[in-house]
PDB file of all heavy atoms in Angstrom:
ATOM      1  N   GLU A   1     -37.489 -22.190   0.352  1.00  0.00           N
ATOM      2  CA  GLU A   1     -36.236 -23.037   0.824  1.00  0.00           C
ATOM      3  C   GLU A   1     -35.270 -23.048  -0.231  1.00  0.00           C
ATOM      4  O   GLU A   1     -33.962 -22.942  -0.072  1.00  0.00           O
ATOM      5  CB  GLU A   1     -36.717 -24.407   1.330  1.00  0.00           C
ATOM      6  CG  GLU A   1     -37.512 -24.413   2.658  1.00  0.00           C
ATOM      7  CD  GLU A   1     -38.123 -25.810   2.979  1.00  0.00           C
ATOM      8  OE1 GLU A   1     -37.802 -26.717   2.284  1.00  0.00           O
ATOM      9  OE2 GLU A   1     -38.855 -25.881   3.940  1.00  0.00           O
ATOM     10  N   GLN A   2     -35.685 -23.445  -1.481  1.00  0.00           N
ATOM     11  CA  GLN A   2     -34.765 -23.475  -2.589  1.00  0.00           C
ATOM     12  C   GLN A   2     -34.108 -22.170  -2.831  1.00  0.00           C
ATOM     13  O   GLN A   2     -32.846 -22.155  -3.142  1.00  0.00           O
ATOM     14  CB  GLN A   2     -35.464 -23.949  -3.797  1.00  0.00           C
ATOM     15  CG  GLN A   2     -34.628 -24.239  -4.986  1.00  0.00           C
ATOM     16  CD  GLN A   2     -35.457 -24.737  -6.217  1.00  0.00           C
ATOM     17  OE1 GLN A   2     -36.588 -24.760  -6.128  1.00  0.00           O
ATOM     18  NE2 GLN A   2     -34.729 -25.012  -7.274  1.00  0.00           N
ATOM     19  N   GLN A   3     -34.798 -21.178  -2.710  1.00  0.00           N
ATOM     20  CA  GLN A   3     -34.201 -19.828  -2.983  1.00  0.00           C
ATOM     21  C   GLN A   3     -33.255 -19.462  -1.863  1.00  0.00           C
ATOM     22  O   GLN A   3     -32.112 -18.896  -2.194  1.00  0.00           O
ATOM     23  CB  GLN A   3     -35.457 -18.728  -3.036  1.00  0.00           C
ATOM     24  CG  GLN A   3     -34.978 -17.359  -3.578  1.00  0.00           C
ATOM     25  CD  GLN A   3     -34.669 -16.439  -2.417  1.00  0.00           C
ATOM     26  OE1 GLN A   3     -35.117 -16.581  -1.245  1.00  0.00           O
ATOM     27  NE2 GLN A   3     -33.939 -15.288  -2.802  1.00  0.00           N
ATOM     28  N   ASN A   4     -33.547 -19.825  -0.618  1.00  0.00           N
ATOM     29  CA  ASN A   4     -32.603 -19.614   0.519  1.00  0.00           C
ATOM     30  C   ASN A   4     -31.341 -20.458   0.280  1.00  0.00           C
ATOM     31  O   ASN A   4     -30.266 -19.892   0.520  1.00  0.00           O
ATOM     32  CB  ASN A   4     -33.354 -19.921   1.830  1.00  0.00           C
ATOM     33  CG  ASN A   4     -34.310 -18.879   2.177  1.00  0.00           C
ATOM     34  OD1 ASN A   4     -34.212 -17.746   1.831  1.00  0.00           O
ATOM     35  ND2 ASN A   4     -35.232 -19.221   3.075  1.00  0.00           N
ATOM     36  N   ARG A   5     -31.469 -21.690  -0.111  1.00  0.00           N
ATOM     37  CA  ARG A   5     -30.296 -22.422  -0.406  1.00  0.00           C
ATOM     38  C   ARG A   5     -29.402 -21.929  -1.522  1.00  0.00           C
ATOM     39  O   ARG A   5     -28.231 -21.787  -1.416  1.00  0.00           O
ATOM     40  CB  ARG A   5     -30.731 -23.943  -0.802  1.00  0.00           C
ATOM     41  CG  ARG A   5     -31.114 -24.757   0.353  1.00  0.00           C
ATOM     42  CD  ARG A   5     -31.190 -26.219   0.149  1.00  0.00           C
ATOM     43  NE  ARG A   5     -32.073 -26.542  -1.052  1.00  0.00           N
ATOM     44  CZ  ARG A   5     -33.443 -26.813  -0.820  1.00  0.00           C
ATOM     45  NH1 ARG A   5     -34.037 -26.824   0.359  1.00  0.00           N
ATOM     46  NH2 ARG A   5     -34.296 -27.083  -1.949  1.00  0.00           N
ATOM     47  N   ALA A   6     -30.116 -21.418  -2.537  1.00  0.00           N
ATOM     48  CA  ALA A   6     -29.398 -20.839  -3.746  1.00  0.00           C
ATOM     49  C   ALA A   6     -28.701 -19.547  -3.287  1.00  0.00           C
ATOM     50  O   ALA A   6     -27.545 -19.315  -3.729  1.00  0.00           O
ATOM     51  CB  ALA A   6     -30.406 -20.513  -4.878  1.00  0.00           C
ATOM     52  N   LEU A   7     -29.365 -18.778  -2.460  1.00  0.00           N
ATOM     53  CA  LEU A   7     -28.810 -17.513  -1.984  1.00  0.00           C
ATOM     54  C   LEU A   7     -27.630 -17.867  -1.199  1.00  0.00           C
ATOM     55  O   LEU A   7     -26.490 -17.208  -1.242  1.00  0.00           O
ATOM     56  CB  LEU A   7     -29.780 -16.718  -1.144  1.00  0.00           C
ATOM     57  CG  LEU A   7     -29.332 -15.384  -0.500  1.00  0.00           C
ATOM     58  CD1 LEU A   7     -28.703 -14.405  -1.708  1.00  0.00           C
ATOM     59  CD2 LEU A   7     -30.262 -14.747   0.351  1.00  0.00           C
ATOM     60  N   SER A   8     -27.779 -18.758  -0.170  1.00  0.00           N
ATOM     61  CA  SER A   8     -26.618 -19.277   0.673  1.00  0.00           C
ATOM     62  C   SER A   8     -25.500 -19.708  -0.163  1.00  0.00           C
ATOM     63  O   SER A   8     -24.290 -19.365   0.046  1.00  0.00           O
ATOM     64  CB  SER A   8     -27.116 -20.275   1.647  1.00  0.00           C
ATOM     65  OG  SER A   8     -26.101 -20.725   2.428  1.00  0.00           O
ATOM     66  N   SER A   9     -25.729 -20.548  -1.208  1.00  0.00           N
ATOM     67  CA  SER A   9     -24.649 -21.061  -2.069  1.00  0.00           C
ATOM     68  C   SER A   9     -24.031 -20.009  -2.854  1.00  0.00           C
ATOM     69  O   SER A   9     -22.803 -19.921  -2.986  1.00  0.00           O
ATOM     70  CB  SER A   9     -25.259 -22.063  -3.046  1.00  0.00           C
ATOM     71  OG  SER A   9     -24.394 -22.481  -3.975  1.00  0.00           O
ATOM     72  N   HIS A  10     -24.835 -19.034  -3.215  1.00  0.00           N
ATOM     73  CA  HIS A  10     -24.300 -17.842  -4.058  1.00  0.00           C
ATOM     74  C   HIS A  10     -23.340 -16.963  -3.063  1.00  0.00           C
ATOM     75  O   HIS A  10     -22.316 -16.570  -3.491  1.00  0.00           O
ATOM     76  CB  HIS A  10     -25.420 -16.871  -4.501  1.00  0.00           C
ATOM     77  CG  HIS A  10     -25.055 -15.724  -5.169  1.00  0.00           C
ATOM     78  ND1 HIS A  10     -24.396 -15.668  -6.411  1.00  0.00           N
ATOM     79  CD2 HIS A  10     -25.163 -14.369  -4.736  1.00  0.00           C
ATOM     80  CE1 HIS A  10     -24.137 -14.318  -6.667  1.00  0.00           C
ATOM     81  NE2 HIS A  10     -24.606 -13.571  -5.718  1.00  0.00           N
ATOM     82  N   LEU A  11     -23.828 -16.791  -1.844  1.00  0.00           N
ATOM     83  CA  LEU A  11     -23.079 -15.966  -0.924  1.00  0.00           C
ATOM     84  C   LEU A  11     -21.742 -16.770  -0.635  1.00  0.00           C
ATOM     85  O   LEU A  11     -20.652 -16.017  -0.515  1.00  0.00           O
ATOM     86  CB  LEU A  11     -23.849 -15.723   0.374  1.00  0.00           C
ATOM     87  CG  LEU A  11     -25.022 -14.739   0.166  1.00  0.00           C
ATOM     88  CD1 LEU A  11     -25.808 -14.570   1.578  1.00  0.00           C
ATOM     89  CD2 LEU A  11     -24.573 -13.327  -0.280  1.00  0.00           C
ATOM     90  N   ASP A  12     -21.845 -18.071  -0.434  1.00  0.00           N
ATOM     91  CA  ASP A  12     -20.580 -18.839  -0.151  1.00  0.00           C
ATOM     92  C   ASP A  12     -19.642 -18.665  -1.310  1.00  0.00           C
ATOM     93  O   ASP A  12     -18.445 -18.466  -1.076  1.00  0.00           O
ATOM     94  CB  ASP A  12     -20.945 -20.252   0.147  1.00  0.00           C
ATOM     95  CG  ASP A  12     -21.490 -20.533   1.438  1.00  0.00           C
ATOM     96  OD1 ASP A  12     -21.447 -19.583   2.304  1.00  0.00           O
ATOM     97  OD2 ASP A  12     -22.208 -21.588   1.655  1.00  0.00           O
ATOM     98  N   LEU A  13     -20.144 -18.920  -2.547  1.00  0.00           N
ATOM     99  CA  LEU A  13     -19.260 -18.709  -3.760  1.00  0.00           C
ATOM    100  C   LEU A  13     -18.677 -17.375  -3.893  1.00  0.00           C
ATOM    101  O   LEU A  13     -17.506 -17.186  -4.150  1.00  0.00           O
ATOM    102  CB  LEU A  13     -20.062 -19.088  -4.954  1.00  0.00           C
ATOM    103  CG  LEU A  13     -20.441 -20.585  -5.163  1.00  0.00           C
ATOM    104  CD1 LEU A  13     -21.370 -20.792  -6.428  1.00  0.00           C
ATOM    105  CD2 LEU A  13     -19.208 -21.451  -5.223  1.00  0.00           C
ATOM    106  N   THR A  14     -19.499 -16.300  -3.522  1.00  0.00           N
ATOM    107  CA  THR A  14     -19.043 -14.908  -3.617  1.00  0.00           C
ATOM    108  C   THR A  14     -17.903 -14.726  -2.642  1.00  0.00           C
ATOM    109  O   THR A  14     -16.882 -14.053  -2.977  1.00  0.00           O
ATOM    110  CB  THR A  14     -20.174 -13.961  -3.345  1.00  0.00           C
ATOM    111  OG1 THR A  14     -21.341 -14.224  -4.285  1.00  0.00           O
ATOM    112  CG2 THR A  14     -19.692 -12.506  -3.523  1.00  0.00           C
ATOM    113  N   ASP A  15     -18.073 -15.271  -1.366  1.00  0.00           N
ATOM    114  CA  ASP A  15     -17.038 -15.174  -0.346  1.00  0.00           C
ATOM    115  C   ASP A  15     -15.790 -15.844  -0.801  1.00  0.00           C
ATOM    116  O   ASP A  15     -14.652 -15.302  -0.747  1.00  0.00           O
ATOM    117  CB  ASP A  15     -17.525 -15.855   1.019  1.00  0.00           C
ATOM    118  CG  ASP A  15     -18.513 -14.939   1.772  1.00  0.00           C
ATOM    119  OD1 ASP A  15     -18.552 -13.695   1.417  1.00  0.00           O
ATOM    120  OD2 ASP A  15     -19.265 -15.477   2.687  1.00  0.00           O
ATOM    121  N   GLN A  16     -15.965 -16.992  -1.318  1.00  0.00           N
ATOM    122  CA  GLN A  16     -14.766 -17.795  -1.822  1.00  0.00           C
ATOM    123  C   GLN A  16     -14.007 -16.922  -2.950  1.00  0.00           C
ATOM    124  O   GLN A  16     -12.772 -16.809  -3.038  1.00  0.00           O
ATOM    125  CB  GLN A  16     -15.147 -19.171  -2.477  1.00  0.00           C
ATOM    126  CG  GLN A  16     -15.598 -20.095  -1.375  1.00  0.00           C
ATOM    127  CD  GLN A  16     -16.136 -21.486  -2.088  1.00  0.00           C
ATOM    128  OE1 GLN A  16     -15.935 -21.628  -3.270  1.00  0.00           O
ATOM    129  NE2 GLN A  16     -16.592 -22.338  -1.072  1.00  0.00           N
ATOM    130  N   LEU A  17     -14.924 -16.339  -3.888  1.00  0.00           N
ATOM    131  CA  LEU A  17     -14.264 -15.539  -4.974  1.00  0.00           C
ATOM    132  C   LEU A  17     -13.579 -14.410  -4.344  1.00  0.00           C
ATOM    133  O   LEU A  17     -12.492 -14.011  -4.784  1.00  0.00           O
ATOM    134  CB  LEU A  17     -15.454 -15.079  -5.867  1.00  0.00           C
ATOM    135  CG  LEU A  17     -14.901 -14.336  -7.177  1.00  0.00           C
ATOM    136  CD1 LEU A  17     -13.949 -15.125  -8.020  1.00  0.00           C
ATOM    137  CD2 LEU A  17     -16.140 -13.816  -7.958  1.00  0.00           C
ATOM    138  N   LEU A  18     -14.143 -13.691  -3.380  1.00  0.00           N
ATOM    139  CA  LEU A  18     -13.488 -12.621  -2.696  1.00  0.00           C
ATOM    140  C   LEU A  18     -12.132 -13.019  -2.008  1.00  0.00           C
ATOM    141  O   LEU A  18     -11.159 -12.302  -2.118  1.00  0.00           O
ATOM    142  CB  LEU A  18     -14.379 -11.892  -1.697  1.00  0.00           C
ATOM    143  CG  LEU A  18     -15.419 -10.942  -2.240  1.00  0.00           C
ATOM    144  CD1 LEU A  18     -16.393 -10.536  -1.036  1.00  0.00           C
ATOM    145  CD2 LEU A  18     -14.875  -9.730  -2.845  1.00  0.00           C
ATOM    146  N   ASN A  19     -12.226 -14.133  -1.288  1.00  0.00           N
ATOM    147  CA  ASN A  19     -10.930 -14.630  -0.732  1.00  0.00           C
ATOM    148  C   ASN A  19      -9.842 -14.919  -1.796  1.00  0.00           C
ATOM    149  O   ASN A  19      -8.639 -14.668  -1.551  1.00  0.00           O
ATOM    150  CB  ASN A  19     -11.259 -15.793   0.114  1.00  0.00           C
ATOM    151  CG  ASN A  19     -11.957 -15.546   1.421  1.00  0.00           C
ATOM    152  OD1 ASN A  19     -11.844 -14.441   1.931  1.00  0.00           O
ATOM    153  ND2 ASN A  19     -12.721 -16.461   1.870  1.00  0.00           N
ATOM    154  N   LEU A  20     -10.382 -15.602  -2.862  1.00  0.00           N
ATOM    155  CA  LEU A  20      -9.314 -15.841  -3.903  1.00  0.00           C
ATOM    156  C   LEU A  20      -8.768 -14.513  -4.565  1.00  0.00           C
ATOM    157  O   LEU A  20      -7.583 -14.461  -4.752  1.00  0.00           O
ATOM    158  CB  LEU A  20     -10.131 -16.619  -4.973  1.00  0.00           C
ATOM    159  CG  LEU A  20      -9.335 -17.044  -6.273  1.00  0.00           C
ATOM    160  CD1 LEU A  20      -8.277 -18.179  -5.758  1.00  0.00           C
ATOM    161  CD2 LEU A  20     -10.142 -17.807  -7.295  1.00  0.00           C
ATOM    162  N   GLN A  21      -9.734 -13.579  -4.714  1.00  0.00           N
ATOM    163  CA  GLN A  21      -9.241 -12.265  -5.298  1.00  0.00           C
ATOM    164  C   GLN A  21      -8.331 -11.652  -4.239  1.00  0.00           C
ATOM    165  O   GLN A  21      -7.362 -10.967  -4.704  1.00  0.00           O
ATOM    166  CB  GLN A  21     -10.388 -11.382  -5.615  1.00  0.00           C
ATOM    167  CG  GLN A  21     -11.248 -11.804  -6.887  1.00  0.00           C
ATOM    168  CD  GLN A  21     -10.345 -11.795  -8.088  1.00  0.00           C
ATOM    169  OE1 GLN A  21      -9.340 -11.071  -8.241  1.00  0.00           O
ATOM    170  NE2 GLN A  21     -10.638 -12.731  -8.898  1.00  0.00           N
ATOM    171  N   ARG A  22      -8.523 -11.659  -3.022  1.00  0.00           N
ATOM    172  CA  ARG A  22      -7.639 -11.098  -1.954  1.00  0.00           C
ATOM    173  C   ARG A  22      -6.325 -11.710  -1.962  1.00  0.00           C
ATOM    174  O   ARG A  22      -5.305 -11.031  -1.881  1.00  0.00           O
ATOM    175  CB  ARG A  22      -8.310 -11.200  -0.582  1.00  0.00           C
ATOM    176  CG  ARG A  22      -9.449 -10.084  -0.362  1.00  0.00           C
ATOM    177  CD  ARG A  22      -9.787 -10.107   1.109  1.00  0.00           C
ATOM    178  NE  ARG A  22     -11.120  -9.333   1.200  1.00  0.00           N
ATOM    179  CZ  ARG A  22     -12.257  -9.690   1.620  1.00  0.00           C
ATOM    180  NH1 ARG A  22     -12.453 -10.924   2.181  1.00  0.00           N
ATOM    181  NH2 ARG A  22     -13.245  -8.857   1.725  1.00  0.00           N
ATOM    182  N   ARG A  23      -6.348 -13.130  -1.990  1.00  0.00           N
ATOM    183  CA  ARG A  23      -4.983 -13.707  -2.034  1.00  0.00           C
ATOM    184  C   ARG A  23      -4.231 -13.380  -3.441  1.00  0.00           C
ATOM    185  O   ARG A  23      -2.990 -13.129  -3.316  1.00  0.00           O
ATOM    186  CB  ARG A  23      -5.181 -15.342  -1.985  1.00  0.00           C
ATOM    187  CG  ARG A  23      -5.475 -15.742  -0.539  1.00  0.00           C
ATOM    188  CD  ARG A  23      -5.578 -17.173  -0.432  1.00  0.00           C
ATOM    189  NE  ARG A  23      -6.867 -17.584  -0.509  1.00  0.00           N
ATOM    190  CZ  ARG A  23      -7.463 -18.644  -1.106  1.00  0.00           C
ATOM    191  NH1 ARG A  23      -6.561 -19.553  -1.684  1.00  0.00           N
ATOM    192  NH2 ARG A  23      -8.655 -18.912  -1.253  1.00  0.00           N
ATOM    193  N   ARG A  24      -4.909 -13.364  -4.433  1.00  0.00           N
ATOM    194  CA  ARG A  24      -4.324 -12.973  -5.693  1.00  0.00           C
ATOM    195  C   ARG A  24      -3.713 -11.604  -5.692  1.00  0.00           C
ATOM    196  O   ARG A  24      -2.604 -11.276  -6.028  1.00  0.00           O
ATOM    197  CB  ARG A  24      -5.329 -13.094  -6.864  1.00  0.00           C
ATOM    198  CG  ARG A  24      -4.671 -12.841  -8.229  1.00  0.00           C
ATOM    199  CD  ARG A  24      -5.791 -13.141  -9.244  1.00  0.00           C
ATOM    200  NE  ARG A  24      -5.343 -12.642 -10.449  1.00  0.00           N
ATOM    201  CZ  ARG A  24      -5.825 -11.687 -11.175  1.00  0.00           C
ATOM    202  NH1 ARG A  24      -7.096 -11.132 -10.794  1.00  0.00           N
ATOM    203  NH2 ARG A  24      -5.330 -11.292 -12.350  1.00  0.00           N
ATOM    204  N   LEU A  25      -4.529 -10.669  -4.932  1.00  0.00           N
ATOM    205  CA  LEU A  25      -4.054  -9.314  -4.862  1.00  0.00           C
ATOM    206  C   LEU A  25      -2.801  -9.271  -4.016  1.00  0.00           C
ATOM    207  O   LEU A  25      -1.887  -8.532  -4.284  1.00  0.00           O
ATOM    208  CB  LEU A  25      -5.205  -8.402  -4.256  1.00  0.00           C
ATOM    209  CG  LEU A  25      -4.918  -6.863  -4.168  1.00  0.00           C
ATOM    210  CD1 LEU A  25      -4.525  -6.358  -5.514  1.00  0.00           C
ATOM    211  CD2 LEU A  25      -6.071  -6.259  -3.527  1.00  0.00           C
ATOM    212  N   GLU A  26      -2.777 -10.115  -2.821  1.00  0.00           N
ATOM    213  CA  GLU A  26      -1.781 -10.201  -1.994  1.00  0.00           C
ATOM    214  C   GLU A  26      -0.466 -10.689  -2.805  1.00  0.00           C
ATOM    215  O   GLU A  26       0.630 -10.113  -2.609  1.00  0.00           O
ATOM    216  CB  GLU A  26      -1.981 -11.026  -0.785  1.00  0.00           C
ATOM    217  CG  GLU A  26      -2.855 -10.418   0.216  1.00  0.00           C
ATOM    218  CD  GLU A  26      -3.154 -11.441   1.353  1.00  0.00           C
ATOM    219  OE1 GLU A  26      -2.530 -12.562   1.386  1.00  0.00           O
ATOM    220  OE2 GLU A  26      -4.072 -11.213   2.055  1.00  0.00           O
ATOM    221  N   TYR A  27      -0.593 -11.724  -3.662  1.00  0.00           N
ATOM    222  CA  TYR A  27       0.553 -12.193  -4.333  1.00  0.00           C
ATOM    223  C   TYR A  27       1.030 -11.149  -5.290  1.00  0.00           C
ATOM    224  O   TYR A  27       2.178 -10.997  -5.553  1.00  0.00           O
ATOM    225  CB  TYR A  27       0.152 -13.605  -5.167  1.00  0.00           C
ATOM    226  CG  TYR A  27      -0.069 -14.755  -4.308  1.00  0.00           C
ATOM    227  CD1 TYR A  27      -1.216 -15.509  -4.390  1.00  0.00           C
ATOM    228  CD2 TYR A  27       0.860 -15.023  -3.255  1.00  0.00           C
ATOM    229  CE1 TYR A  27      -1.512 -16.610  -3.544  1.00  0.00           C
ATOM    230  CE2 TYR A  27       0.575 -16.118  -2.446  1.00  0.00           C
ATOM    231  CZ  TYR A  27      -0.559 -16.982  -2.594  1.00  0.00           C
ATOM    232  OH  TYR A  27      -0.765 -18.035  -1.833  1.00  0.00           O
ATOM    233  N   LEU A  28       0.100 -10.449  -5.984  1.00  0.00           N
ATOM    234  CA  LEU A  28       0.462  -9.434  -6.871  1.00  0.00           C
ATOM    235  C   LEU A  28       1.237  -8.248  -6.169  1.00  0.00           C
ATOM    236  O   LEU A  28       2.233  -7.721  -6.635  1.00  0.00           O
ATOM    237  CB  LEU A  28      -0.836  -8.867  -7.653  1.00  0.00           C
ATOM    238  CG  LEU A  28      -1.443  -9.795  -8.674  1.00  0.00           C
ATOM    239  CD1 LEU A  28      -2.639  -9.219  -9.318  1.00  0.00           C
ATOM    240  CD2 LEU A  28      -0.355 -10.004  -9.899  1.00  0.00           C
ATOM    241  N   GLU A  29       0.628  -7.979  -4.870  1.00  0.00           N
ATOM    242  CA  GLU A  29       1.407  -6.920  -4.172  1.00  0.00           C
ATOM    243  C   GLU A  29       2.757  -7.299  -3.742  1.00  0.00           C
ATOM    244  O   GLU A  29       3.700  -6.562  -3.822  1.00  0.00           O
ATOM    245  CB  GLU A  29       0.462  -6.532  -3.018  1.00  0.00           C
ATOM    246  CG  GLU A  29      -0.636  -5.725  -3.210  1.00  0.00           C
ATOM    247  CD  GLU A  29      -1.528  -5.337  -2.019  1.00  0.00           C
ATOM    248  OE1 GLU A  29      -1.252  -5.933  -0.942  1.00  0.00           O
ATOM    249  OE2 GLU A  29      -2.486  -4.556  -2.108  1.00  0.00           O
ATOM    250  N   GLN A  30       2.812  -8.610  -3.398  1.00  0.00           N
ATOM    251  CA  GLN A  30       4.118  -9.124  -3.049  1.00  0.00           C
ATOM    252  C   GLN A  30       5.088  -9.054  -4.134  1.00  0.00           C
ATOM    253  O   GLN A  30       6.303  -8.791  -4.150  1.00  0.00           O
ATOM    254  CB  GLN A  30       4.078 -10.579  -2.396  1.00  0.00           C
ATOM    255  CG  GLN A  30       3.440 -10.584  -1.067  1.00  0.00           C
ATOM    256  CD  GLN A  30       3.249 -12.002  -0.661  1.00  0.00           C
ATOM    257  OE1 GLN A  30       3.627 -13.050  -1.346  1.00  0.00           O
ATOM    258  NE2 GLN A  30       2.716 -12.179   0.602  1.00  0.00           N
ATOM    259  N   GLY A  31       4.536  -9.537  -5.369  1.00  0.00           N
ATOM    260  CA  GLY A  31       5.396  -9.594  -6.544  1.00  0.00           C
ATOM    261  C   GLY A  31       5.811  -8.171  -6.927  1.00  0.00           C
ATOM    262  O   GLY A  31       7.015  -7.807  -7.365  1.00  0.00           O
ATOM    263  N   PHE A  32       4.803  -7.202  -6.701  1.00  0.00           N
ATOM    264  CA  PHE A  32       5.167  -5.777  -7.102  1.00  0.00           C
ATOM    265  C   PHE A  32       6.224  -5.165  -6.122  1.00  0.00           C
ATOM    266  O   PHE A  32       7.112  -4.576  -6.554  1.00  0.00           O
ATOM    267  CB  PHE A  32       3.809  -4.981  -7.034  1.00  0.00           C
ATOM    268  CG  PHE A  32       4.025  -3.525  -7.316  1.00  0.00           C
ATOM    269  CD1 PHE A  32       4.271  -3.086  -8.609  1.00  0.00           C
ATOM    270  CD2 PHE A  32       3.956  -2.695  -6.217  1.00  0.00           C
ATOM    271  CE1 PHE A  32       4.458  -1.728  -8.787  1.00  0.00           C
ATOM    272  CE2 PHE A  32       4.097  -1.258  -6.501  1.00  0.00           C
ATOM    273  CZ  PHE A  32       4.406  -0.807  -7.805  1.00  0.00           C
ATOM    274  N   SER A  33       6.013  -5.543  -4.831  1.00  0.00           N
ATOM    275  CA  SER A  33       6.910  -5.059  -3.812  1.00  0.00           C
ATOM    276  C   SER A  33       8.347  -5.672  -4.139  1.00  0.00           C
ATOM    277  O   SER A  33       9.304  -4.967  -4.017  1.00  0.00           O
ATOM    278  CB  SER A  33       6.508  -5.460  -2.434  1.00  0.00           C
ATOM    279  OG  SER A  33       5.354  -4.841  -2.028  1.00  0.00           O
ATOM    280  N   ALA A  34       8.371  -6.908  -4.541  1.00  0.00           N
ATOM    281  CA  ALA A  34       9.606  -7.611  -4.913  1.00  0.00           C
ATOM    282  C   ALA A  34      10.264  -6.898  -6.057  1.00  0.00           C
ATOM    283  O   ALA A  34      11.522  -6.545  -6.069  1.00  0.00           O
ATOM    284  CB  ALA A  34       9.426  -9.054  -5.130  1.00  0.00           C
ATOM    285  N   GLN A  35       9.476  -6.519  -7.037  1.00  0.00           N
ATOM    286  CA  GLN A  35       9.972  -5.933  -8.123  1.00  0.00           C
ATOM    287  C   GLN A  35      10.433  -4.523  -7.882  1.00  0.00           C
ATOM    288  O   GLN A  35      11.464  -3.965  -8.312  1.00  0.00           O
ATOM    289  CB  GLN A  35       8.878  -5.798  -9.320  1.00  0.00           C
ATOM    290  CG  GLN A  35       8.680  -7.029 -10.100  1.00  0.00           C
ATOM    291  CD  GLN A  35       7.729  -6.965 -11.180  1.00  0.00           C
ATOM    292  OE1 GLN A  35       7.063  -5.912 -11.304  1.00  0.00           O
ATOM    293  NE2 GLN A  35       7.585  -8.043 -12.020  1.00  0.00           N
ATOM    294  N   VAL A  36       9.674  -3.781  -7.000  1.00  0.00           N
ATOM    295  CA  VAL A  36      10.111  -2.508  -6.587  1.00  0.00           C
ATOM    296  C   VAL A  36      11.394  -2.540  -5.798  1.00  0.00           C
ATOM    297  O   VAL A  36      12.345  -1.727  -6.026  1.00  0.00           O
ATOM    298  CB  VAL A  36       8.960  -1.730  -5.778  1.00  0.00           C
ATOM    299  CG1 VAL A  36       9.486  -0.485  -5.076  1.00  0.00           C
ATOM    300  CG2 VAL A  36       7.775  -1.358  -6.655  1.00  0.00           C
ATOM    301  N   GLY A  37      11.447  -3.560  -4.943  1.00  0.00           N
ATOM    302  CA  GLY A  37      12.667  -3.691  -4.136  1.00  0.00           C
ATOM    303  C   GLY A  37      13.954  -4.066  -5.073  1.00  0.00           C
ATOM    304  O   GLY A  37      15.032  -3.512  -4.859  1.00  0.00           O
ATOM    305  N   ALA A  38      13.712  -4.833  -6.094  1.00  0.00           N
ATOM    306  CA  ALA A  38      14.715  -5.161  -7.065  1.00  0.00           C
ATOM    307  C   ALA A  38      15.144  -3.992  -7.806  1.00  0.00           C
ATOM    308  O   ALA A  38      16.295  -3.766  -8.103  1.00  0.00           O
ATOM    309  CB  ALA A  38      14.291  -6.334  -8.034  1.00  0.00           C
ATOM    310  N   LEU A  39      14.133  -3.201  -8.203  1.00  0.00           N
ATOM    311  CA  LEU A  39      14.488  -2.056  -8.972  1.00  0.00           C
ATOM    312  C   LEU A  39      15.203  -1.025  -8.144  1.00  0.00           C
ATOM    313  O   LEU A  39      16.101  -0.321  -8.604  1.00  0.00           O
ATOM    314  CB  LEU A  39      13.178  -1.347  -9.676  1.00  0.00           C
ATOM    315  CG  LEU A  39      12.556  -2.064 -10.796  1.00  0.00           C
ATOM    316  CD1 LEU A  39      11.160  -1.503 -11.109  1.00  0.00           C
ATOM    317  CD2 LEU A  39      13.489  -2.062 -12.021  1.00  0.00           C
ATOM    318  N   LYS A  40      14.700  -0.908  -6.871  1.00  0.00           N
ATOM    319  CA  LYS A  40      15.446   0.026  -6.008  1.00  0.00           C
ATOM    320  C   LYS A  40      16.912  -0.359  -5.820  1.00  0.00           C
ATOM    321  O   LYS A  40      17.808   0.427  -5.814  1.00  0.00           O
ATOM    322  CB  LYS A  40      14.793   0.065  -4.672  1.00  0.00           C
ATOM    323  CG  LYS A  40      13.542   1.086  -4.570  1.00  0.00           C
ATOM    324  CD  LYS A  40      13.080   1.054  -3.159  1.00  0.00           C
ATOM    325  CE  LYS A  40      11.934   1.933  -3.003  1.00  0.00           C
ATOM    326  NZ  LYS A  40      11.486   1.935  -1.690  1.00  0.00           N
ATOM    327  N   ALA A  41      17.131  -1.707  -5.635  1.00  0.00           N
ATOM    328  CA  ALA A  41      18.443  -2.235  -5.469  1.00  0.00           C
ATOM    329  C   ALA A  41      19.221  -2.029  -6.744  1.00  0.00           C
ATOM    330  O   ALA A  41      20.448  -1.692  -6.585  1.00  0.00           O
ATOM    331  CB  ALA A  41      18.364  -3.742  -5.142  1.00  0.00           C
TER     332      ALA A  41
END
């Protein structure tokens, strides 16, 4: 039971980390796109 709880907690934390990384990537992509747009302009 303890191992299952630890695994569940680990999977939740991993999901949170993935979501955080996806949002960070989206912000970076948006910043990059904005910089590309500014450079193009």
